[in-house]
Each structure stands twice: as C-alpha cells, then as structure tokens.
N, C-alpha and C. Protein backbone atom coordinates (compact mmCIF):
# COMPACT_ATOMS: atom_id res chain seq x y z
N MET A 1 11.04 -9.14 6.34
CA MET A 1 10.32 -10.26 6.23
C MET A 1 9.74 -10.15 4.87
N GLU A 2 9.65 -10.84 3.74
CA GLU A 2 9.20 -11.04 2.60
C GLU A 2 7.49 -11.37 2.77
N ARG A 3 6.59 -10.23 2.24
CA ARG A 3 5.39 -10.51 2.63
C ARG A 3 4.40 -11.02 1.24
N ARG A 4 5.36 -10.67 0.21
CA ARG A 4 4.43 -10.88 -1.06
C ARG A 4 4.35 -12.82 -1.34
N LEU A 5 3.17 -12.44 -1.92
CA LEU A 5 2.73 -14.01 -2.56
C LEU A 5 3.06 -14.65 -3.72
N HIS A 6 3.35 -13.61 -4.39
CA HIS A 6 3.82 -13.83 -5.46
C HIS A 6 4.87 -12.99 -6.44
N ASN A 7 5.95 -13.57 -7.19
CA ASN A 7 7.03 -12.89 -7.63
C ASN A 7 6.91 -11.80 -8.45
N ARG A 8 7.70 -10.67 -8.15
CA ARG A 8 7.71 -9.53 -8.98
C ARG A 8 8.50 -9.61 -9.96
N HIS A 9 8.00 -9.06 -11.11
CA HIS A 9 8.91 -9.20 -12.31
C HIS A 9 8.87 -8.09 -13.05
N LYS A 10 10.31 -7.48 -13.44
CA LYS A 10 10.57 -6.46 -14.08
C LYS A 10 9.20 -5.81 -15.43
N ALA A 11 8.73 -4.66 -15.06
CA ALA A 11 7.85 -4.30 -16.00
C ALA A 11 8.19 -3.31 -17.09
N GLN A 12 8.05 -3.65 -18.32
CA GLN A 12 8.31 -2.38 -19.37
C GLN A 12 7.02 -2.39 -19.99
N THR A 13 5.60 -1.59 -19.36
CA THR A 13 4.72 -1.40 -19.77
C THR A 13 4.12 -0.27 -19.20
N LEU A 14 3.33 0.35 -20.02
CA LEU A 14 2.17 1.65 -19.46
C LEU A 14 0.94 1.25 -18.75
N VAL A 15 0.90 2.02 -17.94
CA VAL A 15 -0.67 1.72 -16.98
C VAL A 15 -1.23 2.99 -17.24
N PHE A 16 -2.54 2.62 -17.75
CA PHE A 16 -3.38 3.86 -17.33
C PHE A 16 -4.10 3.53 -15.83
N VAL A 17 -4.10 4.67 -15.40
CA VAL A 17 -4.83 4.61 -13.86
C VAL A 17 -5.77 5.47 -13.80
N ALA A 18 -6.96 5.17 -13.68
CA ALA A 18 -8.27 6.10 -13.39
C ALA A 18 -8.97 6.01 -12.02
N LYS A 19 -9.20 7.19 -11.21
CA LYS A 19 -10.01 7.20 -10.46
C LYS A 19 -11.08 7.78 -10.63
N PRO A 20 -12.25 7.20 -10.60
CA PRO A 20 -13.48 7.86 -10.39
C PRO A 20 -14.01 9.38 -10.67
N GLY A 21 -14.03 9.90 -11.83
CA GLY A 21 -14.58 11.31 -11.79
C GLY A 21 -13.31 11.97 -12.19
N ARG A 22 -12.44 11.40 -12.80
CA ARG A 22 -11.00 11.90 -13.17
C ARG A 22 -11.02 11.26 -14.42
N PRO A 23 -9.99 11.92 -15.30
CA PRO A 23 -9.45 11.18 -16.47
C PRO A 23 -8.34 10.50 -16.34
N PRO A 24 -8.11 9.35 -17.17
CA PRO A 24 -6.98 8.48 -16.61
C PRO A 24 -5.49 9.18 -16.90
N ARG A 25 -4.65 8.96 -16.00
CA ARG A 25 -3.20 9.31 -16.15
C ARG A 25 -2.51 8.04 -16.80
N LEU A 26 -1.66 8.27 -17.74
CA LEU A 26 -0.31 7.00 -17.88
C LEU A 26 0.23 7.07 -17.12
N CYS A 27 1.08 6.06 -16.64
CA CYS A 27 2.18 5.77 -15.78
C CYS A 27 3.08 4.63 -16.18
N HIS A 28 4.25 4.72 -16.14
CA HIS A 28 5.09 3.73 -16.35
C HIS A 28 5.27 2.86 -15.17
N ALA A 29 5.16 1.24 -15.69
CA ALA A 29 5.20 0.09 -14.50
C ALA A 29 6.79 -0.04 -14.66
N VAL A 30 6.64 0.09 -13.15
CA VAL A 30 8.51 -0.37 -12.55
C VAL A 30 8.37 -1.97 -12.32
N ASN A 31 7.71 -2.65 -11.82
CA ASN A 31 7.39 -3.89 -11.89
C ASN A 31 5.81 -4.55 -11.34
N LEU A 32 5.86 -5.66 -11.86
CA LEU A 32 4.30 -6.16 -11.81
C LEU A 32 4.27 -7.89 -11.27
N SER A 33 3.13 -8.19 -10.45
CA SER A 33 2.90 -9.63 -10.36
C SER A 33 1.77 -9.75 -10.12
N ALA A 34 1.47 -11.30 -9.71
CA ALA A 34 -0.37 -11.41 -10.07
C ALA A 34 -1.24 -10.62 -9.39
N ASN A 35 -0.54 -10.15 -8.19
CA ASN A 35 -1.54 -9.42 -7.15
C ASN A 35 -1.00 -7.64 -6.93
N GLY A 36 -0.07 -7.26 -7.74
CA GLY A 36 0.15 -5.68 -7.36
C GLY A 36 1.09 -5.14 -8.91
N VAL A 37 0.91 -4.09 -8.54
CA VAL A 37 1.88 -3.10 -9.79
C VAL A 37 2.62 -1.74 -8.94
N PHE A 38 3.78 -1.76 -9.38
CA PHE A 38 4.80 -0.55 -8.62
C PHE A 38 4.51 0.25 -9.68
N ILE A 39 4.10 1.57 -10.01
CA ILE A 39 4.49 2.47 -11.01
C ILE A 39 4.77 3.45 -10.55
N GLU A 40 5.58 4.34 -11.29
CA GLU A 40 6.50 5.54 -11.13
C GLU A 40 5.26 6.74 -11.50
N THR A 41 5.16 7.27 -10.47
CA THR A 41 4.21 8.75 -10.44
C THR A 41 4.93 9.94 -10.17
N SER A 42 4.21 10.75 -10.53
CA SER A 42 4.53 12.15 -9.71
C SER A 42 3.48 12.43 -8.66
N SER A 43 2.61 13.63 -8.87
CA SER A 43 1.79 13.79 -8.10
C SER A 43 0.25 13.22 -8.86
N LEU A 44 -0.51 12.18 -8.40
CA LEU A 44 -1.49 11.54 -8.74
C LEU A 44 -2.62 11.97 -8.07
N GLY A 45 -2.42 12.33 -7.06
CA GLY A 45 -2.96 12.85 -5.63
C GLY A 45 -4.22 11.87 -4.91
N LEU A 46 -3.40 10.70 -5.30
CA LEU A 46 -3.94 9.50 -4.68
C LEU A 46 -3.50 9.31 -3.36
N ARG A 47 -4.57 8.61 -2.39
CA ARG A 47 -4.17 8.31 -0.91
C ARG A 47 -4.29 6.57 -0.63
N LYS A 48 -3.68 6.47 -0.14
CA LYS A 48 -3.45 4.81 0.45
C LYS A 48 -4.61 4.68 1.06
N GLY A 49 -5.29 3.32 0.07
CA GLY A 49 -6.67 2.77 0.23
C GLY A 49 -7.93 3.18 -0.52
N THR A 50 -6.95 4.21 -1.56
CA THR A 50 -8.08 4.51 -2.71
C THR A 50 -8.44 3.35 -3.85
N THR A 51 -9.32 3.62 -4.41
CA THR A 51 -9.63 2.42 -5.26
C THR A 51 -9.60 3.04 -6.67
N VAL A 52 -8.89 2.40 -7.50
CA VAL A 52 -8.57 2.91 -8.81
C VAL A 52 -8.90 1.71 -9.85
N GLN A 53 -8.72 2.01 -11.06
CA GLN A 53 -8.59 1.30 -12.25
C GLN A 53 -7.76 1.31 -12.91
N LEU A 54 -7.23 -0.05 -13.51
CA LEU A 54 -6.26 -0.21 -14.31
C LEU A 54 -6.32 -0.68 -15.45
N THR A 55 -5.55 -0.14 -16.34
CA THR A 55 -5.72 -0.81 -17.78
C THR A 55 -4.26 -0.51 -18.42
N PHE A 56 -4.08 -2.30 -18.80
CA PHE A 56 -2.32 -2.26 -19.37
C PHE A 56 -2.32 -3.24 -19.96
N ALA A 57 -1.57 -3.42 -20.88
CA ALA A 57 -1.13 -4.41 -21.86
C ALA A 57 0.06 -5.15 -21.44
N ILE A 58 0.11 -6.74 -21.96
CA ILE A 58 0.88 -7.64 -21.37
C ILE A 58 1.49 -8.27 -22.81
N ASN A 59 2.82 -8.15 -23.44
CA ASN A 59 2.85 -8.91 -24.68
C ASN A 59 3.46 -10.12 -24.40
N LEU A 60 2.99 -11.08 -25.09
CA LEU A 60 3.14 -12.31 -24.85
C LEU A 60 3.96 -13.31 -26.29
N GLY A 61 4.58 -12.12 -26.44
CA GLY A 61 4.92 -12.46 -28.17
C GLY A 61 4.19 -12.60 -29.18
N THR A 62 3.83 -13.71 -29.69
CA THR A 62 2.84 -13.19 -30.83
C THR A 62 1.32 -12.50 -30.41
N VAL A 63 1.05 -12.63 -28.79
CA VAL A 63 -0.15 -11.98 -28.26
C VAL A 63 -0.10 -11.23 -27.67
N THR A 64 -0.99 -10.01 -27.67
CA THR A 64 -0.76 -8.80 -26.35
C THR A 64 -2.22 -9.11 -25.69
N LYS A 65 -2.31 -9.01 -24.42
CA LYS A 65 -3.26 -8.90 -23.85
C LYS A 65 -3.49 -8.01 -23.17
N ILE A 66 -4.76 -7.18 -23.29
CA ILE A 66 -4.95 -6.07 -22.46
C ILE A 66 -5.74 -6.57 -21.08
N HIS A 67 -5.40 -5.93 -20.16
CA HIS A 67 -5.87 -6.14 -19.03
C HIS A 67 -6.72 -5.02 -17.99
N ARG A 68 -7.94 -5.38 -17.58
CA ARG A 68 -8.29 -4.28 -16.87
C ARG A 68 -8.62 -4.88 -15.31
N ARG A 69 -8.34 -4.07 -14.21
CA ARG A 69 -8.19 -4.25 -13.05
C ARG A 69 -8.39 -3.41 -12.15
N THR A 70 -9.29 -3.71 -10.83
CA THR A 70 -9.65 -2.86 -9.91
C THR A 70 -8.37 -2.87 -8.82
N ALA A 71 -7.92 -1.88 -8.12
CA ALA A 71 -6.34 -2.05 -7.60
C ALA A 71 -6.90 -0.60 -6.25
N ILE A 72 -6.42 -1.18 -5.56
CA ILE A 72 -6.22 -0.37 -4.16
C ILE A 72 -4.79 0.29 -4.04
N VAL A 73 -5.03 1.34 -3.43
CA VAL A 73 -3.34 1.91 -3.44
C VAL A 73 -2.90 1.34 -2.19
N ALA A 74 -1.68 0.63 -2.33
CA ALA A 74 -1.40 0.08 -0.99
C ALA A 74 -0.04 0.93 -0.03
N HIS A 75 0.81 1.83 -1.24
CA HIS A 75 1.74 2.43 -0.22
C HIS A 75 2.25 3.23 -1.38
N ILE A 76 2.43 4.79 -0.88
CA ILE A 76 2.89 5.97 -1.76
C ILE A 76 4.55 6.10 -1.39
N SER A 77 5.37 6.21 -2.04
CA SER A 77 6.44 6.71 -1.75
C SER A 77 7.24 7.47 -2.91
N ARG A 78 8.40 7.96 -2.72
CA ARG A 78 9.02 9.17 -3.52
C ARG A 78 8.98 8.42 -5.30
N GLY A 79 9.39 7.21 -5.22
CA GLY A 79 9.66 6.85 -6.37
C GLY A 79 8.54 6.48 -6.99
N GLY A 80 7.01 6.22 -6.12
CA GLY A 80 6.08 5.93 -7.05
C GLY A 80 4.76 5.30 -6.06
N THR A 81 4.18 4.56 -6.61
CA THR A 81 2.70 4.30 -5.86
C THR A 81 2.77 2.35 -5.94
N GLY A 82 2.43 2.19 -5.17
CA GLY A 82 2.11 0.53 -5.25
C GLY A 82 0.98 0.50 -5.45
N LEU A 83 0.81 -0.33 -6.08
CA LEU A 83 -0.92 -0.77 -6.07
C LEU A 83 -1.22 -2.12 -6.16
N MET A 84 -2.21 -2.89 -5.29
CA MET A 84 -2.78 -4.19 -4.89
C MET A 84 -3.73 -4.75 -5.86
N MET A 85 -3.96 -5.19 -6.52
CA MET A 85 -4.84 -5.52 -7.49
C MET A 85 -5.75 -6.81 -6.83
N GLU A 86 -7.16 -6.55 -6.71
CA GLU A 86 -8.09 -7.33 -6.86
C GLU A 86 -8.09 -8.88 -7.80
N SER A 87 -8.27 -10.15 -7.29
CA SER A 87 -8.11 -10.94 -7.75
C SER A 87 -9.66 -11.33 -8.84
N LEU A 88 -9.62 -11.95 -9.96
CA LEU A 88 -10.29 -12.10 -10.83
C LEU A 88 -12.02 -13.04 -10.10
N THR A 89 -11.48 -13.13 -8.88
CA THR A 89 -12.62 -13.70 -8.20
C THR A 89 -13.10 -12.40 -7.32
N GLY A 90 -12.49 -11.69 -7.19
CA GLY A 90 -12.87 -10.34 -6.38
C GLY A 90 -12.74 -10.36 -4.73
N THR A 91 -11.63 -11.31 -4.41
CA THR A 91 -11.13 -11.02 -3.37
C THR A 91 -9.62 -10.75 -3.42
N ARG A 92 -8.61 -10.23 -2.54
CA ARG A 92 -7.54 -9.67 -2.83
C ARG A 92 -6.51 -10.90 -2.45
C-alpha cells in the first residue's frame, strides 16, 4: 500500500547532508518529492530518526533555486537513505 502524499520524481541533483557537529557530506539524490528525498549513500553514520539539514539545487530551466530543509531519517537500506523533509510551515 502506497503511503506517499506526493509523487516522487527522478532527481539528478546533489544534496549536501549535514548533521550538527559534523561537516556536510555530498550525496546524489535518486528521487525527490515535496515531502522527501532518497539519496544514494555509503555509510553516513545516520540512524533512523536522526535530524539532518539538507541543501540542494533544483534547476527550473532559466532559474536554479537553492533549497535548505530540515529532514528526518525515515529509513536506511543498502541502496541509500530515505529522508522525510519538514514542510515550510514546520509540520511534517
């Protein structure tokens, strides 16, 4: 059963993932939605429930927008890490 509220879109962007007290790591986004992103990761040392800061760019043709979001690690698998982003209103 699909639980996503928003459609996922294939992504070709890089995401900086920063955990407080650690330098940011650069990761490749596999897919992206309004509420989350799945990134290819090796070992970031993150656990489910960890809060991280994301910075990524979205190319809109003539404009590139830089996004900064707080996210929570939703799941970790062999292929990467699923992150659930907090909305702009502060709710998930």
